[in-house]
Amino acid sequence: TVLADTVASRKRGKHGIPPAVQWAQSPSEVYMNVKFSAKWDTPATLGCELDQVKFNAGNFVLFSSKCPRAGKKFELKLQLFGDVLEEGSTWRLESVGRAVLTLKKASPAVWPRLLKSKAKPG
């Protein structure tokens, strides 16, 4: 079945687990707190290393990390409500299985939501 194939491919590491995310904004930036866990209220996976972080020209963000000790890979692909600039956007690893991303908005404005789509991701 499709579900069994999806579960099996995730176990083989072909697809990453979406991490838990909190976000906030100012008119000029979007702030994202990423936790290496499937849910915000569960313990984070420790020992993770950022595999890649990309801020595409436009409104796409790609974030992935590998956690070798736990055998997990976290992956986040977002199409944001508005455009962000690669230049001026930053990221850093924090303690206890977290990362922080600061995205520079292309045009100052308060977004009504983080994502372009009104539908819940996943």
Protein backbone atom coordinates (compact mmCIF):
# COMPACT_ATOMS: atom_id res chain seq x y z
CA THR A 1 0.00 0.00 0.00
CA VAL A 2 1.01 3.62 -0.34
CA LEU A 3 1.11 4.08 3.44
CA ALA A 4 3.38 1.05 3.93
CA ASP A 5 5.70 2.26 1.14
CA THR A 6 5.89 5.74 2.71
CA VAL A 7 6.67 4.35 6.16
CA ALA A 8 9.31 1.99 4.72
CA SER A 9 10.97 4.78 2.70
CA ARG A 10 11.12 7.02 5.79
CA LYS A 11 12.80 4.23 7.73
CA ARG A 12 15.37 3.92 4.94
CA GLY A 13 16.03 7.66 5.24
CA LYS A 14 14.70 8.73 1.84
CA HIS A 15 12.31 11.26 3.37
CA GLY A 16 12.94 13.50 6.32
CA ILE A 17 10.72 14.00 9.33
CA PRO A 18 9.11 17.45 9.44
CA PRO A 19 10.48 19.20 12.56
CA ALA A 20 8.38 21.20 14.99
CA VAL A 21 8.38 24.94 14.19
CA GLN A 22 7.34 28.10 15.98
CA TRP A 23 7.40 31.42 14.16
CA ALA A 24 6.98 35.13 14.74
CA GLN A 25 7.49 38.20 12.59
CA SER A 26 8.23 41.88 12.44
CA PRO A 27 7.48 43.97 9.35
CA SER A 28 11.02 43.31 8.08
CA GLU A 29 11.84 39.74 9.25
CA VAL A 30 10.42 36.29 9.97
CA TYR A 31 11.82 34.40 12.97
CA MET A 32 11.63 30.60 13.03
CA ASN A 33 12.48 28.40 15.99
CA VAL A 34 12.99 24.82 14.73
CA LYS A 35 13.06 21.87 17.13
CA PHE A 36 14.51 18.53 16.02
CA SER A 37 11.37 16.68 17.07
CA ALA A 38 8.12 15.75 15.35
CA LYS A 39 6.10 17.60 18.02
CA TRP A 40 6.88 20.70 20.06
CA ASP A 41 6.02 19.06 23.38
CA THR A 42 8.29 16.01 22.98
CA PRO A 43 12.03 15.81 23.70
CA ALA A 44 14.33 17.05 20.96
CA THR A 45 16.73 14.75 19.14
CA LEU A 46 20.27 15.60 20.21
CA GLY A 47 23.47 15.43 18.17
CA CYS A 48 21.93 16.80 14.98
CA GLU A 49 24.00 18.57 12.34
CA LEU A 50 22.62 20.91 9.70
CA ASP A 51 22.87 19.29 6.31
CA GLN A 52 21.66 22.30 4.35
CA VAL A 53 19.79 25.54 4.75
CA LYS A 54 18.69 27.39 1.63
CA PHE A 55 16.86 30.66 1.30
CA ASN A 56 15.87 30.76 -2.36
CA ALA A 57 15.28 33.95 -4.21
CA GLY A 58 11.55 34.27 -3.78
CA ASN A 59 9.56 32.53 -1.13
CA PHE A 60 11.01 29.04 -0.66
CA VAL A 61 12.96 27.79 2.36
CA LEU A 62 14.68 24.40 2.55
CA PHE A 63 16.09 23.14 5.83
CA SER A 64 17.46 19.67 6.50
CA SER A 65 19.49 18.11 9.27
CA LYS A 66 20.96 14.70 10.00
CA CYS A 67 21.04 13.12 13.45
CA PRO A 68 23.47 10.18 13.04
CA ARG A 69 23.25 8.87 16.61
CA ALA A 70 19.46 8.65 16.44
CA GLY A 71 19.35 7.57 12.78
CA LYS A 72 16.96 10.41 11.93
CA LYS A 73 16.81 13.11 9.29
CA PHE A 74 14.64 16.19 9.67
CA GLU A 75 13.52 18.11 6.61
CA LEU A 76 11.45 21.25 6.18
CA LYS A 77 10.35 22.62 2.82
CA LEU A 78 8.18 25.73 2.96
CA GLN A 79 6.60 28.02 0.42
CA LEU A 80 6.28 31.23 2.40
CA PHE A 81 3.52 33.80 2.15
CA GLY A 82 5.91 36.42 0.77
CA ASP A 83 9.35 36.70 -0.71
CA VAL A 84 12.51 36.57 1.38
CA LEU A 85 16.04 37.62 0.54
CA GLU A 86 18.98 35.22 0.79
CA GLU A 87 21.24 38.13 1.63
CA GLY A 88 20.39 39.21 5.15
CA SER A 89 18.78 35.88 6.12
CA THR A 90 20.65 33.85 8.74
CA TRP A 91 20.53 30.61 10.70
CA ARG A 92 22.32 29.14 13.70
CA LEU A 93 22.27 25.99 15.79
CA GLU A 94 21.13 26.40 19.36
CA SER A 95 21.51 24.08 22.32
CA VAL A 96 19.20 21.16 23.11
CA GLY A 97 18.28 20.13 19.57
CA ARG A 98 17.14 23.44 18.11
CA ALA A 99 17.97 25.82 15.28
CA VAL A 100 16.95 29.44 14.75
CA LEU A 101 16.34 30.99 11.32
CA THR A 102 15.92 34.71 10.69
CA LEU A 103 14.53 35.47 7.24
CA LYS A 104 14.80 38.94 5.71
CA LYS A 105 11.56 39.93 3.96
CA ALA A 106 11.92 41.34 0.44
CA SER A 107 9.27 43.98 1.18
CA PRO A 108 8.40 45.22 4.66
CA ALA A 109 4.88 44.05 5.58
CA VAL A 110 3.06 42.03 8.20
CA TRP A 111 2.00 38.70 6.71
CA PRO A 112 -1.40 37.26 7.64
CA ARG A 113 0.21 33.78 7.92
CA LEU A 114 3.58 32.09 7.41
CA LEU A 115 2.74 29.97 4.36
CA LYS A 116 1.39 30.92 0.95
CA SER A 117 -1.29 28.25 1.18
CA LYS A 118 -4.13 28.53 3.68
CA ALA A 119 -4.18 24.73 3.98
CA LYS A 120 -2.47 23.06 6.92
CA PRO A 121 0.87 21.51 5.80
CA GLY A 122 1.35 17.77 5.80
